[in-house]
């Protein structure tokens, strides 16, 4: 397919701005439903669009063996953990704060890749990573008054960082759409025992919102997949931080949350460190 960088960039930004819509819905519904039910709904309703689309469009890998299944299952477990921790954080702290802490995932991935995969970590990468975690500290502001939601947000970032490392560890590529379908389908099954007691209690008013939450997440992933088919990952990766813009706008519009000066500074540092990591790896 011919490179179309402008179209790819537009789709990437659209995808990253779509993610906070589902996040805002999860935060709104967290007053009435458990994090496990919301995480299950996000995956289950996301699977409604991802699985049929994958069946029609995606191609199965030429070889399906135990290693491939283990890789995809590990990715799914880490993705589920990231979603559960993320929604647990949303229930307690402002949306923009959650997204800011969650975007430490590339920093966790850099450290985990060195520890688990034995990747070489240079002094520059270490310095960039430490700089990023300073930004995270400014966002969560540890101390006597720190909310446990801040730790949940960091745990979500660490889980997604692990997801990125497992993706790097995988020996065979799987079409992204197929991976999304597998993760949403298996993830919903994994969370079903925890969510089942509440499923029957979902109100008619909440059901459309849960459906929109799941479809929004699946749509965002599909937009990103489409973007990667039109432009290089190195071009699109910095645009992932557009998610902070969407989270900040929705957090203010829906919940009246305005990030503090320290939160803004922390988010700026996290974004800057992520961009420096991208630039360093591309060099």
Protein backbone atom coordinates (compact mmCIF):
# COMPACT_ATOMS: atom_id res chain seq x y z
CA UNK A 1 0.00 0.00 0.00
CA UNK A 2 1.32 3.47 -0.95
CA UNK A 3 2.48 5.64 1.95
CA UNK A 4 0.07 8.47 2.73
CA UNK A 5 1.61 10.16 5.77
CA UNK A 6 -0.95 12.95 6.13
CA UNK A 7 -3.88 10.54 6.00
CA UNK A 8 -2.08 8.21 8.42
CA UNK A 9 -1.39 11.05 10.83
CA UNK A 10 -5.04 12.17 10.69
CA UNK A 11 -6.27 8.64 11.46
CA UNK A 12 -3.76 8.28 14.31
CA UNK A 13 -4.88 11.54 15.93
CA UNK A 14 -8.52 10.54 15.45
CA UNK A 15 -7.84 7.21 17.15
CA UNK A 16 -6.04 8.75 20.10
CA UNK A 17 -8.79 11.35 20.54
CA UNK A 18 -11.41 8.56 20.46
CA UNK A 19 -9.90 6.61 23.37
CA UNK A 20 -10.85 9.23 26.02
CA UNK A 21 -14.52 8.98 25.01
CA UNK A 22 -14.68 5.43 26.34
CA UNK A 23 -12.60 6.47 29.34
CA UNK A 24 -15.02 9.28 30.22
CA UNK A 25 -17.96 6.88 29.96
CA UNK A 26 -16.18 4.39 32.24
CA UNK A 27 -15.52 7.13 34.77
CA UNK A 28 -19.16 8.24 34.68
CA UNK A 29 -20.47 4.68 35.11
CA UNK A 30 -17.97 3.81 37.86
CA UNK A 31 -20.28 5.48 40.40
CA UNK A 32 -22.81 2.68 39.90
CA UNK A 33 -20.90 -0.34 38.60
CA UNK A 34 -17.76 -2.23 39.63
CA UNK A 35 -14.47 -1.90 37.78
CA UNK A 36 -14.66 -5.56 36.75
CA UNK A 37 -18.07 -5.15 35.12
CA UNK A 38 -16.92 -2.01 33.29
CA UNK A 39 -13.69 -3.67 32.14
CA UNK A 40 -15.67 -6.70 30.95
CA UNK A 41 -18.18 -4.49 29.10
CA UNK A 42 -15.38 -2.55 27.42
CA UNK A 43 -13.86 -5.78 26.10
CA UNK A 44 -17.08 -7.68 25.39
CA UNK A 45 -18.76 -4.90 23.44
CA UNK A 46 -15.45 -4.13 21.72
CA UNK A 47 -15.32 -7.76 20.60
CA UNK A 48 -18.71 -7.29 18.91
CA UNK A 49 -17.02 -5.16 16.26
CA UNK A 50 -13.44 -6.53 16.34
CA UNK A 51 -14.18 -10.27 16.04
CA UNK A 52 -16.57 -10.17 13.04
CA UNK A 53 -14.31 -7.67 11.28
CA UNK A 54 -11.27 -9.89 11.85
CA UNK A 55 -13.13 -12.93 10.51
CA UNK A 56 -13.97 -11.05 7.31
CA UNK A 57 -10.73 -9.10 6.77
CA UNK A 58 -7.81 -10.64 8.68
CA UNK A 59 -5.76 -13.67 7.65
CA UNK A 60 -4.70 -16.33 10.13
CA UNK A 61 -0.94 -16.85 10.60
CA UNK A 62 0.39 -19.68 8.41
CA UNK A 63 1.47 -21.57 11.53
CA UNK A 64 -0.47 -21.67 14.81
CA UNK A 65 1.44 -23.43 17.57
CA UNK A 66 1.79 -23.35 21.36
CA UNK A 67 4.32 -20.48 21.28
CA UNK A 68 1.99 -18.25 19.28
CA UNK A 69 -0.93 -18.99 21.61
CA UNK A 70 1.23 -18.28 24.69
CA UNK A 71 2.41 -14.97 23.21
CA UNK A 72 -1.11 -13.80 22.42
CA UNK A 73 -2.45 -15.00 25.78
CA UNK A 74 0.26 -13.15 27.72
CA UNK A 75 -0.48 -10.01 25.73
CA UNK A 76 -4.17 -10.38 26.53
CA UNK A 77 -3.60 -10.90 30.26
CA UNK A 78 -1.41 -7.78 30.45
CA UNK A 79 -3.93 -5.79 28.39
CA UNK A 80 -6.72 -6.89 30.74
CA UNK A 81 -4.67 -5.87 33.78
CA UNK A 82 -4.00 -2.48 32.19
CA UNK A 83 -7.73 -1.94 31.56
CA UNK A 84 -8.74 -3.02 35.08
CA UNK A 85 -6.15 -0.78 36.76
CA UNK A 86 -7.00 2.07 34.39
CA UNK A 87 -10.72 1.94 35.20
CA UNK A 88 -9.93 1.59 38.92
CA UNK A 89 -7.92 4.81 38.63
CA UNK A 90 -10.69 6.55 36.66
CA UNK A 91 -13.11 5.85 39.50
CA UNK A 92 -10.94 7.87 41.90
CA UNK A 93 -8.92 10.62 40.18
CA UNK A 94 -9.37 13.06 37.25
CA UNK A 95 -9.31 11.66 33.73
CA UNK A 96 -6.31 13.72 32.58
CA UNK A 97 -4.28 12.61 35.63
CA UNK A 98 -5.00 8.96 34.84
CA UNK A 99 -3.98 9.31 31.19
CA UNK A 100 -0.85 11.27 32.13
CA UNK A 101 0.33 8.55 34.53
CA UNK A 102 -0.71 5.78 32.13
CA UNK A 103 1.48 7.22 29.38
CA UNK A 104 4.53 6.20 31.41
CA UNK A 105 4.07 2.81 29.67
CA UNK A 106 6.99 3.35 27.22
CA UNK A 107 9.24 4.16 30.18
CA UNK A 108 8.26 0.95 31.95
CA UNK A 109 8.74 -0.91 28.67
CA UNK A 110 12.30 0.41 28.33
CA UNK A 111 13.21 -0.81 31.82
CA UNK A 112 11.40 -4.15 31.52
CA UNK A 113 12.99 -4.85 28.13
CA UNK A 114 16.41 -4.43 29.72
CA UNK A 115 15.56 -6.60 32.74
CA UNK A 116 13.58 -9.35 30.98
CA UNK A 117 14.80 -9.39 27.38
CA UNK A 118 18.36 -8.36 28.13
CA UNK A 119 18.18 -5.37 25.82
CA UNK A 120 21.05 -2.95 26.20
CA UNK A 121 20.08 0.14 28.15
CA UNK A 122 22.34 3.13 27.61
CA UNK A 123 22.99 5.91 30.07
CA UNK A 124 20.95 8.17 27.83
CA UNK A 125 17.92 5.84 27.91
CA UNK A 126 18.28 5.51 31.68
CA UNK A 127 18.44 9.28 32.08
CA UNK A 128 15.40 9.79 29.84
CA UNK A 129 13.48 7.14 31.78
CA UNK A 130 14.31 8.69 35.14
CA UNK A 131 13.31 12.09 33.77
CA UNK A 132 9.95 10.64 32.74
CA UNK A 133 9.34 9.14 36.16
CA UNK A 134 10.00 12.55 37.72
CA UNK A 135 7.07 13.73 35.60
CA UNK A 136 4.97 10.82 36.89
CA UNK A 137 5.83 11.76 40.47
CA UNK A 138 4.62 15.31 39.80
CA UNK A 139 1.33 13.90 38.51
CA UNK A 140 0.68 11.48 41.38
CA UNK A 141 2.41 13.59 44.08
CA UNK A 142 3.14 10.79 46.60
CA UNK A 143 2.52 11.68 50.21
CA UNK A 144 0.01 11.37 52.99
CA UNK A 145 -2.76 12.81 50.83
CA UNK A 146 -2.02 10.74 47.71
CA UNK A 147 -5.04 8.90 46.36
CA UNK A 148 -4.71 5.17 45.69
CA UNK A 149 -6.08 5.96 42.24
CA UNK A 150 -2.69 7.44 41.32
CA UNK A 151 -1.02 4.10 42.07
CA UNK A 152 -3.67 2.31 40.02
CA UNK A 153 -2.86 4.62 37.08
CA UNK A 154 0.86 3.82 37.38
CA UNK A 155 0.03 0.11 37.63
CA UNK A 156 -1.97 0.46 34.40
CA UNK A 157 1.06 2.06 32.75
CA UNK A 158 3.35 -0.70 34.04
CA UNK A 159 0.93 -3.39 32.77
CA UNK A 160 0.79 -1.82 29.33
CA UNK A 161 4.57 -1.47 29.38
CA UNK A 162 4.70 -5.23 29.96
CA UNK A 163 2.29 -5.66 27.05
CA UNK A 164 4.72 -3.76 24.81
CA UNK A 165 7.63 -5.93 25.98
CA UNK A 166 5.73 -9.16 25.28
CA UNK A 167 4.90 -7.78 21.84
CA UNK A 168 8.63 -7.19 21.27
CA UNK A 169 9.41 -10.69 22.57
CA UNK A 170 6.97 -12.36 20.18
CA UNK A 171 8.78 -14.25 17.42
CA UNK A 172 6.02 -13.92 14.83
CA UNK A 173 3.92 -10.98 13.78
CA UNK A 174 0.14 -11.30 13.87
CA UNK A 175 -2.10 -8.92 11.97
CA UNK A 176 -3.06 -6.13 14.43
CA UNK A 177 -6.79 -6.53 13.76
CA UNK A 178 -6.53 -10.24 14.58
CA UNK A 179 -4.70 -9.39 17.81
CA UNK A 180 -7.40 -6.89 18.80
CA UNK A 181 -10.09 -9.51 18.14
CA UNK A 182 -8.22 -12.14 20.18
CA UNK A 183 -7.57 -9.76 23.07
CA UNK A 184 -11.11 -8.44 23.31
CA UNK A 185 -12.66 -11.88 22.99
CA UNK A 186 -10.36 -13.73 25.38
CA UNK A 187 -10.19 -10.73 27.73
CA UNK A 188 -13.98 -10.69 28.04
CA UNK A 189 -13.95 -14.41 28.83
CA UNK A 190 -11.26 -13.96 31.49
CA UNK A 191 -13.24 -11.22 33.22
CA UNK A 192 -16.63 -12.91 32.87
CA UNK A 193 -16.46 -14.78 36.25
CA UNK A 194 -15.81 -11.46 38.04
CA UNK A 195 -18.48 -9.53 36.13
CA UNK A 196 -21.18 -12.21 35.93
CA UNK A 197 -22.89 -11.41 39.27
CA UNK A 198 -23.58 -7.86 38.05
CA UNK A 199 -24.44 -8.41 34.40
CA UNK A 200 -28.11 -9.02 35.12
CA UNK A 201 -28.27 -5.75 37.04
CA UNK A 202 -27.21 -3.53 34.14
CA UNK A 203 -29.94 -0.94 33.69
CA UNK A 204 -31.53 -0.13 30.37
CA UNK A 205 -30.15 3.40 30.64
CA UNK A 206 -26.56 2.22 31.22
CA UNK A 207 -26.50 -0.44 28.49
CA UNK A 208 -26.16 1.97 25.53
CA UNK A 209 -23.33 3.77 27.32
CA UNK A 210 -21.49 0.50 27.90
CA UNK A 211 -21.99 -0.42 24.26
CA UNK A 212 -20.60 2.97 23.19
CA UNK A 213 -17.66 2.52 25.57
CA UNK A 214 -16.71 -0.82 24.01
CA UNK A 215 -17.30 0.27 20.44
CA UNK A 216 -15.31 3.46 21.03
CA UNK A 217 -12.31 1.49 22.26
CA UNK A 218 -12.49 -0.96 19.34
CA UNK A 219 -12.92 1.91 16.87
CA UNK A 220 -9.87 3.70 18.28
CA UNK A 221 -7.77 0.56 17.85
CA UNK A 222 -9.02 0.08 14.28
CA UNK A 223 -8.23 3.71 13.41
CA UNK A 224 -4.69 3.23 14.71
CA UNK A 225 -4.30 0.01 12.71
CA UNK A 226 -5.48 1.84 9.60
CA UNK A 227 -3.03 4.66 10.31
CA UNK A 228 -0.13 2.23 10.54
CA UNK A 229 -1.01 0.91 7.09
CA UNK A 230 -0.61 4.41 5.64
CA UNK A 231 2.41 5.81 7.50
CA UNK A 232 5.47 4.62 9.41
CA UNK A 233 5.39 3.87 13.14
CA UNK A 234 8.21 6.36 13.72
CA UNK A 235 6.04 9.15 12.27
CA UNK A 236 2.89 8.14 14.13
CA UNK A 237 4.30 7.27 17.58
CA UNK A 238 4.63 10.89 18.81
CA UNK A 239 0.99 11.52 17.87
CA UNK A 240 -0.09 9.01 20.54
CA UNK A 241 0.27 11.80 23.08
CA UNK A 242 -2.75 13.52 21.52
CA UNK A 243 -4.70 11.34 23.95
CA UNK A 244 -3.80 13.77 26.73
CA UNK A 245 -5.55 16.58 24.84
CA UNK A 246 -8.76 14.59 24.50
CA UNK A 247 -8.61 13.48 28.14
CA UNK A 248 -8.09 17.04 29.37
CA UNK A 249 -10.91 18.49 27.27
CA UNK A 250 -13.39 15.75 28.22
CA UNK A 251 -12.32 15.82 31.85
CA UNK A 252 -13.16 19.51 32.00
CA UNK A 253 -16.31 19.38 29.84
CA UNK A 254 -17.90 16.38 31.58
CA UNK A 255 -16.52 16.42 35.11
CA UNK A 256 -15.25 19.97 35.57
CA UNK A 257 -11.71 18.74 36.28
CA UNK A 258 -8.92 21.24 35.68
CA UNK A 259 -5.35 19.87 35.97
CA UNK A 260 -3.18 21.63 38.52
CA UNK A 261 0.02 23.40 37.53
CA UNK A 262 2.09 20.47 38.84
CA UNK A 263 -0.04 18.01 36.86
CA UNK A 264 0.49 20.03 33.67
CA UNK A 265 4.24 20.10 34.34
CA UNK A 266 4.29 16.37 35.06
CA UNK A 267 2.37 15.56 31.87
CA UNK A 268 4.72 17.76 29.85
CA UNK A 269 7.73 15.90 31.26
CA UNK A 270 6.18 12.47 30.58
CA UNK A 271 5.39 13.48 26.99
CA UNK A 272 8.86 14.98 26.48
CA UNK A 273 10.57 11.87 27.82
CA UNK A 274 8.44 9.64 25.60
CA UNK A 275 9.32 11.71 22.55
CA UNK A 276 13.01 11.57 23.49
CA UNK A 277 12.82 7.78 23.74
CA UNK A 278 11.19 7.60 20.30
CA UNK A 279 13.81 9.90 18.81
CA UNK A 280 16.66 7.97 20.44
CA UNK A 281 15.42 4.60 19.14
CA UNK A 282 14.86 6.02 15.67
CA UNK A 283 18.41 7.44 15.52
